[in-house]
Amino acid sequence: MGFGGISIWQLLIVLAIIVLLFGTKKLRGMGGDIGGAVKGFKKAMSDDQANEQEKSEQIQQSEKSTVGDSINTEKNKDSNKV
């Protein structure tokens, strides 16, 4: 018994039929196409994560500068009163 009741011999027969129908050259081409698609998908996912991280860093920097500016403004108001 193999995968879910399918024996290794049944898998080999199905594989042989697929090779006979499509040929090894066509299967290699399809494998390359699928590999390229997976590689492109992974690259897009990593680029998306990098963009999200960059945006969050920019937001943090702008929040820090906004807080710093408001603190400086308050200090200037206090020094002008004296």
PDB file of N, CA and C in Angstrom:
ATOM      1  N   MET A   1       0.840  -1.187   0.000  1.00  0.00           N
ATOM      2  CA  MET A   1       0.000   0.000   0.000  1.00  0.00           C
ATOM      3  C   MET A   1       0.883   1.247   0.000  1.00  0.00           C
ATOM      4  N   GLY A   2       0.506   2.198  -0.792  1.00  0.00           N
ATOM      5  CA  GLY A   2       1.255   3.438  -0.897  1.00  0.00           C
ATOM      6  C   GLY A   2       0.447   4.606  -0.384  1.00  0.00           C
ATOM      7  N   PHE A   3       0.215   5.550  -1.234  1.00  0.00           N
ATOM      8  CA  PHE A   3      -0.480   6.785  -0.888  1.00  0.00           C
ATOM      9  C   PHE A   3      -1.992   6.589  -0.978  1.00  0.00           C
ATOM     10  N   GLY A   4      -2.660   6.492   0.149  1.00  0.00           N
ATOM     11  CA  GLY A   4      -4.121   6.406   0.147  1.00  0.00           C
ATOM     12  C   GLY A   4      -4.667   5.211  -0.616  1.00  0.00           C
ATOM     13  N   GLY A   5      -4.009   4.063  -0.528  1.00  0.00           N
ATOM     14  CA  GLY A   5      -4.504   2.870  -1.201  1.00  0.00           C
ATOM     15  C   GLY A   5      -3.966   2.687  -2.601  1.00  0.00           C
ATOM     16  N   ILE A   6      -3.087   3.565  -3.063  1.00  0.00           N
ATOM     17  CA  ILE A   6      -2.497   3.441  -4.400  1.00  0.00           C
ATOM     18  C   ILE A   6      -1.106   2.841  -4.231  1.00  0.00           C
ATOM     19  N   SER A   7      -0.858   1.737  -4.911  1.00  0.00           N
ATOM     20  CA  SER A   7       0.449   1.089  -4.781  1.00  0.00           C
ATOM     21  C   SER A   7       1.477   1.790  -5.670  1.00  0.00           C
ATOM     22  N   ILE A   8       2.730   1.460  -5.426  1.00  0.00           N
ATOM     23  CA  ILE A   8       3.822   2.054  -6.205  1.00  0.00           C
ATOM     24  C   ILE A   8       3.704   1.644  -7.675  1.00  0.00           C
ATOM     25  N   TRP A   9       3.228   0.431  -7.940  1.00  0.00           N
ATOM     26  CA  TRP A   9       3.094  -0.037  -9.316  1.00  0.00           C
ATOM     27  C   TRP A   9       2.041   0.763 -10.068  1.00  0.00           C
ATOM     28  N   GLN A  10       0.962   1.102  -9.402  1.00  0.00           N
ATOM     29  CA  GLN A  10      -0.072   1.910 -10.055  1.00  0.00           C
ATOM     30  C   GLN A  10       0.454   3.305 -10.378  1.00  0.00           C
ATOM     31  N   LEU A  11       1.244   3.864  -9.471  1.00  0.00           N
ATOM     32  CA  LEU A  11       1.851   5.174  -9.731  1.00  0.00           C
ATOM     33  C   LEU A  11       2.810   5.117 -10.914  1.00  0.00           C
ATOM     34  N   LEU A  12       3.598   4.052 -10.998  1.00  0.00           N
ATOM     35  CA  LEU A  12       4.535   3.908 -12.114  1.00  0.00           C
ATOM     36  C   LEU A  12       3.796   3.758 -13.444  1.00  0.00           C
ATOM     37  N   ILE A  13       2.697   3.031 -13.450  1.00  0.00           N
ATOM     38  CA  ILE A  13       1.913   2.869 -14.679  1.00  0.00           C
ATOM     39  C   ILE A  13       1.336   4.214 -15.123  1.00  0.00           C
ATOM     40  N   VAL A  14       0.799   4.979 -14.179  1.00  0.00           N
ATOM     41  CA  VAL A  14       0.255   6.305 -14.508  1.00  0.00           C
ATOM     42  C   VAL A  14       1.363   7.207 -15.035  1.00  0.00           C
ATOM     43  N   LEU A  15       2.536   7.172 -14.410  1.00  0.00           N
ATOM     44  CA  LEU A  15       3.673   7.973 -14.859  1.00  0.00           C
ATOM     45  C   LEU A  15       4.092   7.578 -16.276  1.00  0.00           C
ATOM     46  N   ALA A  16       4.123   6.282 -16.559  1.00  0.00           N
ATOM     47  CA  ALA A  16       4.494   5.816 -17.896  1.00  0.00           C
ATOM     48  C   ALA A  16       3.486   6.293 -18.941  1.00  0.00           C
ATOM     49  N   ILE A  17       2.211   6.256 -18.605  1.00  0.00           N
ATOM     50  CA  ILE A  17       1.182   6.727 -19.544  1.00  0.00           C
ATOM     51  C   ILE A  17       1.341   8.221 -19.808  1.00  0.00           C
ATOM     52  N   ILE A  18       1.628   8.989 -18.759  1.00  0.00           N
ATOM     53  CA  ILE A  18       1.825  10.438 -18.924  1.00  0.00           C
ATOM     54  C   ILE A  18       3.021  10.713 -19.820  1.00  0.00           C
ATOM     55  N   VAL A  19       4.117   9.969 -19.615  1.00  0.00           N
ATOM     56  CA  VAL A  19       5.311  10.159 -20.450  1.00  0.00           C
ATOM     57  C   VAL A  19       5.000   9.802 -21.898  1.00  0.00           C
ATOM     58  N   LEU A  20       4.245   8.739 -22.113  1.00  0.00           N
ATOM     59  CA  LEU A  20       3.892   8.354 -23.483  1.00  0.00           C
ATOM     60  C   LEU A  20       2.995   9.388 -24.152  1.00  0.00           C
ATOM     61  N   LEU A  21       2.075   9.964 -23.395  1.00  0.00           N
ATOM     62  CA  LEU A  21       1.157  10.947 -23.974  1.00  0.00           C
ATOM     63  C   LEU A  21       1.850  12.258 -24.317  1.00  0.00           C
ATOM     64  N   PHE A  22       2.643  12.760 -23.386  1.00  0.00           N
ATOM     65  CA  PHE A  22       3.221  14.097 -23.566  1.00  0.00           C
ATOM     66  C   PHE A  22       4.648  14.078 -24.088  1.00  0.00           C
ATOM     67  N   GLY A  23       5.394  13.048 -23.802  1.00  0.00           N
ATOM     68  CA  GLY A  23       6.787  13.000 -24.200  1.00  0.00           C
ATOM     69  C   GLY A  23       7.664  13.708 -23.177  1.00  0.00           C
ATOM     70  N   THR A  24       8.909  13.296 -23.125  1.00  0.00           N
ATOM     71  CA  THR A  24       9.811  13.848 -22.107  1.00  0.00           C
ATOM     72  C   THR A  24      10.141  15.312 -22.370  1.00  0.00           C
ATOM     73  N   LYS A  25      10.243  15.696 -23.633  1.00  0.00           N
ATOM     74  CA  LYS A  25      10.579  17.085 -23.955  1.00  0.00           C
ATOM     75  C   LYS A  25       9.472  18.031 -23.479  1.00  0.00           C
ATOM     76  N   LYS A  26       8.236  17.664 -23.735  1.00  0.00           N
ATOM     77  CA  LYS A  26       7.096  18.491 -23.318  1.00  0.00           C
ATOM     78  C   LYS A  26       7.016  18.550 -21.788  1.00  0.00           C
ATOM     79  N   LEU A  27       7.263  17.419 -21.114  1.00  0.00           N
ATOM     80  CA  LEU A  27       7.223  17.397 -19.648  1.00  0.00           C
ATOM     81  C   LEU A  27       8.325  18.275 -19.054  1.00  0.00           C
ATOM     82  N   ARG A  28       9.523  18.242 -19.663  1.00  0.00           N
ATOM     83  CA  ARG A  28      10.609  19.113 -19.193  1.00  0.00           C
ATOM     84  C   ARG A  28      10.239  20.578 -19.354  1.00  0.00           C
ATOM     85  N   GLY A  29       9.624  20.901 -20.477  1.00  0.00           N
ATOM     86  CA  GLY A  29       9.194  22.284 -20.713  1.00  0.00           C
ATOM     87  C   GLY A  29       8.152  22.731 -19.709  1.00  0.00           C
ATOM     88  N   MET A  30       7.190  21.855 -19.431  1.00  0.00           N
ATOM     89  CA  MET A  30       6.158  22.197 -18.446  1.00  0.00           C
ATOM     90  C   MET A  30       6.765  22.330 -17.052  1.00  0.00           C
ATOM     91  N   GLY A  31       7.727  21.461 -16.735  1.00  0.00           N
ATOM     92  CA  GLY A  31       8.398  21.548 -15.432  1.00  0.00           C
ATOM     93  C   GLY A  31       9.153  22.857 -15.288  1.00  0.00           C
ATOM     94  N   GLY A  32       9.816  23.276 -16.351  1.00  0.00           N
ATOM     95  CA  GLY A  32      10.531  24.555 -16.324  1.00  0.00           C
ATOM     96  C   GLY A  32       9.586  25.732 -16.172  1.00  0.00           C
ATOM     97  N   ASP A  33       8.450  25.658 -16.857  1.00  0.00           N
ATOM     98  CA  ASP A  33       7.449  26.729 -16.749  1.00  0.00           C
ATOM     99  C   ASP A  33       6.886  26.818 -15.336  1.00  0.00           C
ATOM    100  N   ILE A  34       6.589  25.668 -14.761  1.00  0.00           N
ATOM    101  CA  ILE A  34       6.051  25.650 -13.392  1.00  0.00           C
ATOM    102  C   ILE A  34       7.101  26.156 -12.411  1.00  0.00           C
ATOM    103  N   GLY A  35       8.354  25.736 -12.599  1.00  0.00           N
ATOM    104  CA  GLY A  35       9.431  26.211 -11.730  1.00  0.00           C
ATOM    105  C   GLY A  35       9.613  27.718 -11.822  1.00  0.00           C
ATOM    106  N   GLY A  36       9.531  28.259 -13.033  1.00  0.00           N
ATOM    107  CA  GLY A  36       9.642  29.710 -13.215  1.00  0.00           C
ATOM    108  C   GLY A  36       8.497  30.457 -12.555  1.00  0.00           C
ATOM    109  N   ALA A  37       7.305  29.874 -12.642  1.00  0.00           N
ATOM    110  CA  ALA A  37       6.142  30.513 -12.018  1.00  0.00           C
ATOM    111  C   ALA A  37       6.280  30.526 -10.501  1.00  0.00           C
ATOM    112  N   VAL A  38       6.752  29.424  -9.924  1.00  0.00           N
ATOM    113  CA  VAL A  38       6.942  29.354  -8.469  1.00  0.00           C
ATOM    114  C   VAL A  38       8.014  30.345  -8.034  1.00  0.00           C
ATOM    115  N   LYS A  39       9.086  30.432  -8.804  1.00  0.00           N
ATOM    116  CA  LYS A  39      10.167  31.368  -8.478  1.00  0.00           C
ATOM    117  C   LYS A  39       9.666  32.813  -8.534  1.00  0.00           C
ATOM    118  N   GLY A  40       8.883  33.138  -9.550  1.00  0.00           N
ATOM    119  CA  GLY A  40       8.315  34.482  -9.665  1.00  0.00           C
ATOM    120  C   GLY A  40       7.369  34.797  -8.522  1.00  0.00           C
ATOM    121  N   PHE A  41       6.577  33.806  -8.121  1.00  0.00           N
ATOM    122  CA  PHE A  41       5.646  33.999  -7.010  1.00  0.00           C
ATOM    123  C   PHE A  41       6.404  34.267  -5.714  1.00  0.00           C
ATOM    124  N   LYS A  42       7.453  33.490  -5.455  1.00  0.00           N
ATOM    125  CA  LYS A  42       8.248  33.695  -4.238  1.00  0.00           C
ATOM    126  C   LYS A  42       8.903  35.073  -4.245  1.00  0.00           C
ATOM    127  N   LYS A  43       9.400  35.504  -5.405  1.00  0.00           N
ATOM    128  CA  LYS A  43      10.036  36.820  -5.506  1.00  0.00           C
ATOM    129  C   LYS A  43       9.024  37.928  -5.239  1.00  0.00           C
ATOM    130  N   ALA A  44       7.832  37.781  -5.782  1.00  0.00           N
ATOM    131  CA  ALA A  44       6.786  38.784  -5.555  1.00  0.00           C
ATOM    132  C   ALA A  44       6.399  38.848  -4.082  1.00  0.00           C
ATOM    133  N   MET A  45       6.340  37.711  -3.430  1.00  0.00           N
ATOM    134  CA  MET A  45       5.995  37.678  -2.006  1.00  0.00           C
ATOM    135  C   MET A  45       7.079  38.358  -1.175  1.00  0.00           C
ATOM    136  N   SER A  46       8.353  38.086  -1.474  1.00  0.00           N
ATOM    137  CA  SER A  46       9.431  38.704  -0.704  1.00  0.00           C
ATOM    138  C   SER A  46       9.504  40.204  -0.979  1.00  0.00           C
ATOM    139  N   ASP A  47       9.235  40.624  -2.221  1.00  0.00           N
ATOM    140  CA  ASP A  47       9.208  42.054  -2.537  1.00  0.00           C
ATOM    141  C   ASP A  47       8.080  42.753  -1.791  1.00  0.00           C
ATOM    142  N   ASP A  48       6.933  42.083  -1.703  1.00  0.00           N
ATOM    143  CA  ASP A  48       5.786  42.656  -0.997  1.00  0.00           C
ATOM    144  C   ASP A  48       6.101  42.822   0.486  1.00  0.00           C
ATOM    145  N   GLN A  49       6.753  41.829   1.079  1.00  0.00           N
ATOM    146  CA  GLN A  49       7.119  41.916   2.491  1.00  0.00           C
ATOM    147  C   GLN A  49       8.135  43.033   2.710  1.00  0.00           C
ATOM    148  N   ALA A  50       9.076  43.189   1.788  1.00  0.00           N
ATOM    149  CA  ALA A  50      10.072  44.250   1.913  1.00  0.00           C
ATOM    150  C   ALA A  50       9.404  45.620   1.819  1.00  0.00           C
ATOM    151  N   ASN A  51       8.433  45.770   0.923  1.00  0.00           N
ATOM    152  CA  ASN A  51       7.715  47.042   0.788  1.00  0.00           C
ATOM    153  C   ASN A  51       6.927  47.359   2.046  1.00  0.00           C
ATOM    154  N   GLU A  52       6.283  46.354   2.631  1.00  0.00           N
ATOM    155  CA  GLU A  52       5.518  46.566   3.863  1.00  0.00           C
ATOM    156  C   GLU A  52       6.446  46.991   4.996  1.00  0.00           C
ATOM    157  N   GLN A  53       7.605  46.353   5.090  1.00  0.00           N
ATOM    158  CA  GLN A  53       8.559  46.692   6.143  1.00  0.00           C
ATOM    159  C   GLN A  53       9.080  48.117   5.939  1.00  0.00           C
ATOM    160  N   GLU A  54       9.353  48.495   4.703  1.00  0.00           N
ATOM    161  CA  GLU A  54       9.837  49.844   4.406  1.00  0.00           C
ATOM    162  C   GLU A  54       8.786  50.889   4.771  1.00  0.00           C
ATOM    163  N   LYS A  55       7.528  50.610   4.463  1.00  0.00           N
ATOM    164  CA  LYS A  55       6.452  51.546   4.797  1.00  0.00           C
ATOM    165  C   LYS A  55       6.322  51.713   6.302  1.00  0.00           C
ATOM    166  N   SER A  56       6.425  50.611   7.050  1.00  0.00           N
ATOM    167  CA  SER A  56       6.296  50.713   8.502  1.00  0.00           C
ATOM    168  C   SER A  56       7.461  51.498   9.096  1.00  0.00           C
ATOM    169  N   GLU A  57       8.662  51.341   8.534  1.00  0.00           N
ATOM    170  CA  GLU A  57       9.811  52.115   9.010  1.00  0.00           C
ATOM    171  C   GLU A  57       9.615  53.599   8.719  1.00  0.00           C
ATOM    172  N   GLN A  58       9.070  53.934   7.555  1.00  0.00           N
ATOM    173  CA  GLN A  58       8.817  55.335   7.218  1.00  0.00           C
ATOM    174  C   GLN A  58       7.782  55.937   8.154  1.00  0.00           C
ATOM    175  N   ILE A  59       6.757  55.164   8.490  1.00  0.00           N
ATOM    176  CA  ILE A  59       5.729  55.652   9.408  1.00  0.00           C
ATOM    177  C   ILE A  59       6.331  55.901  10.780  1.00  0.00           C
ATOM    178  N   GLN A  60       7.180  54.982  11.244  1.00  0.00           N
ATOM    179  CA  GLN A  60       7.821  55.158  12.547  1.00  0.00           C
ATOM    180  C   GLN A  60       8.705  56.398  12.547  1.00  0.00           C
ATOM    181  N   GLN A  61       9.453  56.627  11.468  1.00  0.00           N
ATOM    182  CA  GLN A  61      10.319  57.797  11.386  1.00  0.00           C
ATOM    183  C   GLN A  61       9.497  59.079  11.391  1.00  0.00           C
ATOM    184  N   SER A  62       8.386  59.086  10.659  1.00  0.00           N
ATOM    185  CA  SER A  62       7.563  60.295  10.617  1.00  0.00           C
ATOM    186  C   SER A  62       6.907  60.549  11.969  1.00  0.00           C
ATOM    187  N   GLU A  63       6.535  59.482  12.684  1.00  0.00           N
ATOM    188  CA  GLU A  63       5.959  59.657  14.017  1.00  0.00           C
ATOM    189  C   GLU A  63       6.999  60.221  14.979  1.00  0.00           C
ATOM    190  N   LYS A  64       8.236  59.728  14.878  1.00  0.00           N
ATOM    191  CA  LYS A  64       9.303  60.227  15.749  1.00  0.00           C
ATOM    192  C   LYS A  64       9.570  61.702  15.479  1.00  0.00           C
ATOM    193  N   SER A  65       9.622  62.084  14.203  1.00  0.00           N
ATOM    194  CA  SER A  65       9.906  63.483  13.882  1.00  0.00           C
ATOM    195  C   SER A  65       8.742  64.373  14.295  1.00  0.00           C
ATOM    196  N   THR A  66       7.515  63.887  14.170  1.00  0.00           N
ATOM    197  CA  THR A  66       6.345  64.667  14.580  1.00  0.00           C
ATOM    198  C   THR A  66       6.353  64.883  16.084  1.00  0.00           C
ATOM    199  N   VAL A  67       6.676  63.846  16.850  1.00  0.00           N
ATOM    200  CA  VAL A  67       6.740  63.966  18.309  1.00  0.00           C
ATOM    201  C   VAL A  67       7.874  64.905  18.696  1.00  0.00           C
ATOM    202  N   GLY A  68       9.017  64.789  18.027  1.00  0.00           N
ATOM    203  CA  GLY A  68      10.147  65.669  18.315  1.00  0.00           C
ATOM    204  C   GLY A  68       9.830  67.114  18.001  1.00  0.00           C
ATOM    205  N   ASP A  69       9.144  67.378  16.897  1.00  0.00           N
ATOM    206  CA  ASP A  69       8.768  68.743  16.531  1.00  0.00           C
ATOM    207  C   ASP A  69       7.802  69.340  17.541  1.00  0.00           C
ATOM    208  N   SER A  70       6.855  68.537  18.004  1.00  0.00           N
ATOM    209  CA  SER A  70       5.892  69.071  18.971  1.00  0.00           C
ATOM    210  C   SER A  70       6.562  69.339  20.310  1.00  0.00           C
ATOM    211  N   ILE A  71       7.548  68.545  20.696  1.00  0.00           N
ATOM    212  CA  ILE A  71       8.286  68.799  21.941  1.00  0.00           C
ATOM    213  C   ILE A  71       9.087  70.084  21.804  1.00  0.00           C
ATOM    214  N   ASN A  72       9.750  70.276  20.665  1.00  0.00           N
ATOM    215  CA  ASN A  72      10.527  71.495  20.442  1.00  0.00           C
ATOM    216  C   ASN A  72       9.619  72.719  20.428  1.00  0.00           C
ATOM    217  N   THR A  73       8.445  72.603  19.854  1.00  0.00           N
ATOM    218  CA  THR A  73       7.496  73.713  19.813  1.00  0.00           C
ATOM    219  C   THR A  73       7.062  74.088  21.221  1.00  0.00           C
ATOM    220  N   GLU A  74       6.794  73.096  22.051  1.00  0.00           N
ATOM    221  CA  GLU A  74       6.393  73.357  23.437  1.00  0.00           C
ATOM    222  C   GLU A  74       7.528  74.032  24.203  1.00  0.00           C
ATOM    223  N   LYS A  75       8.767  73.615  23.982  1.00  0.00           N
ATOM    224  CA  LYS A  75       9.913  74.225  24.658  1.00  0.00           C
ATOM    225  C   LYS A  75      10.064  75.683  24.233  1.00  0.00           C
ATOM    226  N   ASN A  76       9.877  75.948  22.929  1.00  0.00           N
ATOM    227  CA  ASN A  76       9.996  77.316  22.433  1.00  0.00           C
ATOM    228  C   ASN A  76       8.909  78.208  23.015  1.00  0.00           C
ATOM    229  N   LYS A  77       7.708  77.706  23.164  1.00  0.00           N
ATOM    230  CA  LYS A  77       6.618  78.480  23.752  1.00  0.00           C
ATOM    231  C   LYS A  77       6.935  78.816  25.206  1.00  0.00           C
ATOM    232  N   ASP A  78       7.482  77.831  25.941  1.00  0.00           N
ATOM    233  CA  ASP A  78       7.821  78.048  27.343  1.00  0.00           C
ATOM    234  C   ASP A  78       8.949  79.071  27.481  1.00  0.00           C
ATOM    235  N   SER A  79       9.944  79.031  26.596  1.00  0.00           N
ATOM    236  CA  SER A  79      11.060  79.970  26.694  1.00  0.00           C
ATOM    237  C   SER A  79      10.623  81.381  26.288  1.00  0.00           C
ATOM    238  N   ASN A  80       9.648  81.511  25.403  1.00  0.00           N
ATOM    239  CA  ASN A  80       9.141  82.821  25.002  1.00  0.00           C
ATOM    240  C   ASN A  80       8.335  83.475  26.115  1.00  0.00           C
ATOM    241  N   LYS A  81       7.715  82.689  26.980  1.00  0.00           N
ATOM    242  CA  LYS A  81       6.919  83.217  28.083  1.00  0.00           C
ATOM    243  C   LYS A  81       7.811  83.854  29.138  1.00  0.00           C
ATOM    244  N   VAL A  82       9.026  83.381  29.302  1.00  0.00           N
ATOM    245  CA  VAL A  82       9.922  83.867  30.352  1.00  0.00           C
ATOM    246  C   VAL A  82      10.583  85.127  29.982  1.00  0.00           C
TER     247      VAL A  82
END
